[in-house]
N, C-alpha and C. Protein backbone atom coordinates (compact mmCIF):
# COMPACT_ATOMS: atom_id res chain seq x y z
N UNK A 1 0.64 -1.42 -0.05
CA UNK A 1 -0.18 -0.33 -0.06
C UNK A 1 0.98 1.47 0.02
N UNK A 2 0.30 2.39 -1.00
CA UNK A 2 0.71 3.75 -1.16
C UNK A 2 1.02 4.40 0.47
N UNK A 3 1.42 5.02 0.87
CA UNK A 3 1.94 6.02 1.44
C UNK A 3 0.44 7.47 0.73
N UNK A 4 0.00 8.18 1.83
CA UNK A 4 -0.71 9.31 1.74
C UNK A 4 -0.17 10.27 0.30
N UNK A 5 1.47 9.96 0.94
CA UNK A 5 1.91 11.45 0.12
C UNK A 5 1.93 10.86 -1.38
N UNK A 6 1.94 9.91 -1.48
CA UNK A 6 1.93 9.21 -3.02
C UNK A 6 0.45 9.25 -3.70
N UNK A 7 -0.52 9.24 -3.11
CA UNK A 7 -1.10 9.51 -3.79
C UNK A 7 -1.97 11.04 -3.89
N UNK A 8 -1.27 11.29 -2.76
CA UNK A 8 -2.28 13.34 -2.63
C UNK A 8 -1.96 14.22 -3.88
N UNK A 9 -0.59 13.81 -4.22
CA UNK A 9 -0.50 14.87 -5.78
C UNK A 9 -1.39 14.22 -7.00
N UNK A 10 -1.68 12.85 -7.32
CA UNK A 10 -2.67 12.63 -7.86
C UNK A 10 -3.81 13.38 -7.95
N UNK A 11 -4.88 12.96 -6.42
CA UNK A 11 -5.88 13.92 -6.24
C UNK A 11 -6.10 14.98 -5.74
N UNK A 12 -5.14 15.84 -5.73
CA UNK A 12 -4.83 17.27 -5.90
C UNK A 12 -4.98 17.82 -7.17
N UNK A 13 -4.10 17.36 -8.07
CA UNK A 13 -4.17 17.58 -9.15
C UNK A 13 -5.57 16.92 -10.07
N UNK A 14 -5.96 15.58 -9.53
CA UNK A 14 -7.03 15.02 -9.99
C UNK A 14 -8.18 16.76 -10.27
N UNK A 15 -8.30 17.00 -8.53
CA UNK A 15 -9.58 17.45 -8.09
C UNK A 15 -9.48 19.29 -9.28
N UNK A 16 -7.84 19.57 -9.20
CA UNK A 16 -8.14 20.80 -9.98
C UNK A 16 -8.54 20.84 -11.45
N UNK A 17 -8.22 19.50 -12.03
CA UNK A 17 -8.42 19.97 -12.93
C UNK A 17 -10.32 19.18 -13.42
N UNK A 18 -10.50 19.03 -12.84
CA UNK A 18 -12.45 18.84 -12.53
C UNK A 18 -12.66 20.38 -12.44
N UNK A 19 -11.39 21.48 -11.33
CA UNK A 19 -12.43 22.26 -11.37
C UNK A 19 -12.20 23.94 -12.71
N UNK A 20 -11.32 22.49 -13.60
CA UNK A 20 -11.10 23.15 -14.48
C UNK A 20 -9.65 24.53 -14.11
N UNK A 21 -9.02 24.22 -12.78
CA UNK A 21 -7.75 25.43 -12.58
C UNK A 21 -6.81 25.08 -13.30
N UNK A 22 -5.88 25.98 -13.84
CA UNK A 22 -4.31 25.61 -14.32
C UNK A 22 -3.63 25.37 -12.45
N UNK A 23 -2.23 24.92 -12.55
CA UNK A 23 -1.84 25.10 -11.70
C UNK A 23 -1.76 27.03 -10.82
N UNK A 24 -1.32 27.51 -11.71
CA UNK A 24 -1.34 28.78 -11.64
C UNK A 24 -1.82 29.38 -10.83
N UNK A 25 -3.15 29.58 -11.44
CA UNK A 25 -4.32 29.66 -10.96
C UNK A 25 -4.35 29.15 -9.17
N UNK A 26 -4.27 27.79 -9.13
CA UNK A 26 -4.98 27.49 -8.01
C UNK A 26 -3.83 27.47 -6.66
N UNK A 27 -2.21 27.85 -7.10
CA UNK A 27 -1.22 28.20 -6.34
C UNK A 27 -1.47 29.55 -6.09
N UNK A 28 -2.27 30.57 -6.98
CA UNK A 28 -2.46 32.02 -6.70
C UNK A 28 -3.62 32.16 -5.35
N UNK A 29 -4.10 31.43 -5.54
CA UNK A 29 -5.30 31.21 -4.82
C UNK A 29 -4.95 30.50 -3.36
N UNK A 30 -3.66 29.63 -3.29
CA UNK A 30 -2.94 28.80 -2.27
C UNK A 30 -2.26 29.80 -1.52
N UNK A 31 -1.65 30.95 -2.06
CA UNK A 31 -0.67 31.71 -1.92
C UNK A 31 0.57 30.67 -1.79
N UNK A 32 0.61 30.27 -2.75
CA UNK A 32 2.11 29.75 -2.48
C UNK A 32 3.19 29.40 -4.46
N UNK A 33 3.58 28.94 -5.19
CA UNK A 33 4.17 29.03 -5.99
C UNK A 33 3.61 28.32 -6.52
N UNK A 34 3.62 28.34 -8.29
CA UNK A 34 3.57 27.05 -9.26
C UNK A 34 4.43 25.85 -9.26
N UNK A 35 5.29 26.92 -8.81
CA UNK A 35 6.64 25.41 -8.81
C UNK A 35 6.32 24.59 -7.96
N UNK A 36 5.89 25.47 -6.67
CA UNK A 36 5.23 23.99 -5.34
C UNK A 36 4.02 23.71 -5.82
N UNK A 37 3.35 24.00 -6.00
CA UNK A 37 2.07 23.30 -6.47
C UNK A 37 2.32 21.97 -7.57
N UNK A 38 3.22 22.72 -8.23
CA UNK A 38 3.52 21.31 -9.40
C UNK A 38 4.67 20.25 -8.57
N UNK A 39 5.41 20.48 -7.38
CA UNK A 39 5.86 19.89 -6.99
C UNK A 39 5.16 18.78 -6.04
N UNK A 40 4.28 19.14 -5.38
CA UNK A 40 2.99 17.94 -4.94
C UNK A 40 2.46 17.43 -5.62
N UNK A 41 1.81 17.76 -7.08
CA UNK A 41 1.16 16.64 -7.36
C UNK A 41 2.34 16.10 -8.77
N UNK A 42 3.22 16.39 -8.80
CA UNK A 42 4.05 15.28 -9.68
C UNK A 42 5.30 14.57 -9.08
N UNK A 43 5.48 15.00 -8.13
CA UNK A 43 7.34 14.69 -7.26
C UNK A 43 6.57 14.33 -5.69
N UNK A 44 5.82 14.58 -5.25
CA UNK A 44 5.50 13.96 -3.63
C UNK A 44 5.81 14.68 -3.08
N UNK A 45 6.20 16.01 -3.52
CA UNK A 45 6.39 16.92 -2.26
C UNK A 45 5.51 17.06 -1.26
N UNK A 46 5.94 16.71 0.25
CA UNK A 46 4.98 16.54 1.06
C UNK A 46 4.81 18.91 1.90
N UNK A 47 3.02 18.72 1.65
CA UNK A 47 2.82 19.79 2.35
C UNK A 47 2.73 20.07 3.82
N UNK A 48 2.39 21.35 3.98
CA UNK A 48 2.78 21.53 5.28
C UNK A 48 0.71 20.96 5.74
N UNK A 49 0.42 20.80 6.87
CA UNK A 49 -0.59 20.91 7.80
C UNK A 49 -1.67 21.90 7.24
N UNK A 50 -0.96 23.32 7.68
CA UNK A 50 -1.72 24.32 7.01
C UNK A 50 -1.93 24.19 5.50
N UNK A 51 -1.04 24.35 4.52
CA UNK A 51 -1.45 24.14 3.09
C UNK A 51 -2.72 23.39 2.93
N UNK A 52 -2.05 21.85 3.64
CA UNK A 52 -3.21 20.82 2.89
C UNK A 52 -4.79 21.00 3.45
N UNK A 53 -4.60 21.69 4.92
CA UNK A 53 -5.90 22.01 5.42
C UNK A 53 -6.52 23.71 4.18
N UNK A 54 -5.46 24.13 3.40
CA UNK A 54 -6.13 25.13 2.25
C UNK A 54 -6.18 24.64 1.01
N UNK A 55 -6.02 23.56 0.74
CA UNK A 55 -5.73 22.28 -0.67
C UNK A 55 -7.31 21.96 -0.21
N UNK A 56 -7.32 21.15 0.40
CA UNK A 56 -8.38 20.62 0.85
C UNK A 56 -9.79 21.65 0.84
N UNK A 57 -9.58 22.39 1.39
CA UNK A 57 -10.79 24.03 1.45
C UNK A 57 -11.21 24.49 -0.25
N UNK A 58 -9.61 24.60 -0.50
CA UNK A 58 -9.69 25.66 -1.72
C UNK A 58 -10.73 24.38 -2.96
N UNK A 59 -9.99 23.44 -2.91
CA UNK A 59 -10.83 22.34 -4.05
C UNK A 59 -12.29 21.49 -3.63
N UNK A 60 -12.19 21.87 -2.16
CA UNK A 60 -13.68 21.45 -2.36
C UNK A 60 -13.82 19.62 -1.68
N UNK A 61 -12.62 18.90 -1.11
CA UNK A 61 -12.38 17.97 -0.92
C UNK A 61 -12.30 17.74 0.62
N UNK A 62 -13.09 16.31 -0.15
CA UNK A 62 -13.55 15.81 1.80
C UNK A 62 -11.94 15.07 2.36
N UNK A 63 -11.83 15.05 3.44
CA UNK A 63 -11.05 14.13 4.01
C UNK A 63 -10.61 12.97 4.23
N UNK A 64 -11.68 12.44 4.30
CA UNK A 64 -12.17 11.11 3.22
C UNK A 64 -11.33 11.02 2.60
N UNK A 65 -11.67 11.17 1.51
CA UNK A 65 -11.09 11.41 0.19
C UNK A 65 -9.60 11.28 0.23
N UNK A 66 -8.84 12.53 0.44
CA UNK A 66 -7.31 12.87 0.90
C UNK A 66 -6.82 11.69 1.93
N UNK A 67 -7.44 11.18 2.56
CA UNK A 67 -6.72 9.99 3.53
C UNK A 67 -7.36 9.08 3.51
N UNK A 68 -8.05 8.31 2.81
CA UNK A 68 -8.88 7.16 2.43
C UNK A 68 -9.04 6.81 0.99
N UNK A 69 -7.95 7.78 0.01
CA UNK A 69 -8.72 7.66 -1.23
C UNK A 69 -8.26 6.11 -1.82
N UNK A 70 -7.55 5.44 -1.40
CA UNK A 70 -6.82 3.91 -1.55
C UNK A 70 -7.77 3.21 -1.09
N UNK A 71 -8.90 3.57 -0.21
CA UNK A 71 -10.49 2.09 -0.40
C UNK A 71 -11.22 2.62 -0.36
N UNK A 72 -10.96 3.77 -1.77
CA UNK A 72 -12.64 4.26 -2.55
C UNK A 72 -13.24 2.75 -2.67
N UNK A 73 -13.23 2.17 -3.13
CA UNK A 73 -13.42 0.97 -4.23
C UNK A 73 -13.99 -0.37 -3.28
N UNK A 74 -13.25 -0.43 -2.25
CA UNK A 74 -13.15 -1.35 -1.17
C UNK A 74 -14.83 -1.00 -0.44
N UNK A 75 -15.48 -1.73 -0.20
CA UNK A 75 -16.74 -2.32 0.78
C UNK A 75 -15.89 -1.31 2.30
N UNK A 76 -17.35 -0.34 2.48
CA UNK A 76 -17.84 -0.33 3.91
C UNK A 76 -17.24 -1.64 4.55
N UNK A 77 -16.29 -1.14 5.97
CA UNK A 77 -16.93 -2.00 7.28
C UNK A 77 -18.20 -2.40 7.30
N UNK A 78 -18.62 -3.02 8.10
CA UNK A 78 -20.11 -2.99 8.69
C UNK A 78 -19.31 -2.85 10.19
N UNK A 79 -20.88 -1.95 10.74
CA UNK A 79 -21.12 -1.39 11.59
C UNK A 79 -20.29 -2.20 12.59
N UNK A 80 -20.12 -1.75 14.42
CA UNK A 80 -19.56 -2.42 15.20
C UNK A 80 -21.20 -2.78 16.17
N UNK A 81 -21.35 -3.46 16.83
CA UNK A 81 -21.89 -3.96 17.46
C UNK A 81 -21.77 -4.06 18.96
N UNK A 82 -22.92 -3.42 19.39
CA UNK A 82 -22.83 -3.83 21.30
C UNK A 82 -23.26 -5.00 21.48
N UNK A 83 -22.73 -5.88 22.79
CA UNK A 83 -23.30 -6.99 23.13
C UNK A 83 -24.65 -7.58 22.84
N UNK A 84 -24.65 -8.47 22.50
CA UNK A 84 -26.14 -8.63 22.12
C UNK A 84 -26.82 -8.19 20.43
N UNK A 85 -25.78 -7.54 19.59
CA UNK A 85 -25.94 -7.48 18.38
C UNK A 85 -26.21 -6.32 17.73
N UNK A 86 -26.66 -5.34 18.78
CA UNK A 86 -27.11 -4.32 18.75
C UNK A 86 -26.35 -3.31 18.38
N UNK A 87 -26.87 -2.17 17.18
CA UNK A 87 -25.64 -1.36 16.61
C UNK A 87 -25.45 -0.12 18.01
N UNK A 88 -24.33 -0.07 18.05
CA UNK A 88 -23.45 0.76 18.94
C UNK A 88 -24.01 2.28 18.79
N UNK A 89 -24.78 3.23 19.06
CA UNK A 89 -24.33 4.65 19.39
C UNK A 89 -23.78 5.41 19.23
């Protein structure tokens, strides 16, 4: 399994393209250089937590999509149940 940062660039690039933004346009919105965004998308550059938060907000991504993209094709696990088989709330 690849690490989150290995797939982060692909997720960011795909979301950016879906919003029809260029690297320069998104970089300007994020307050970074286009070169830095390119490094995140293509070279596995690790953004700071603050920048990751801005990327998620700007591209309107869910954190699940960022952190669990590798599980998107797998079924969700069954809900955990309390003693007696009743779903815990």
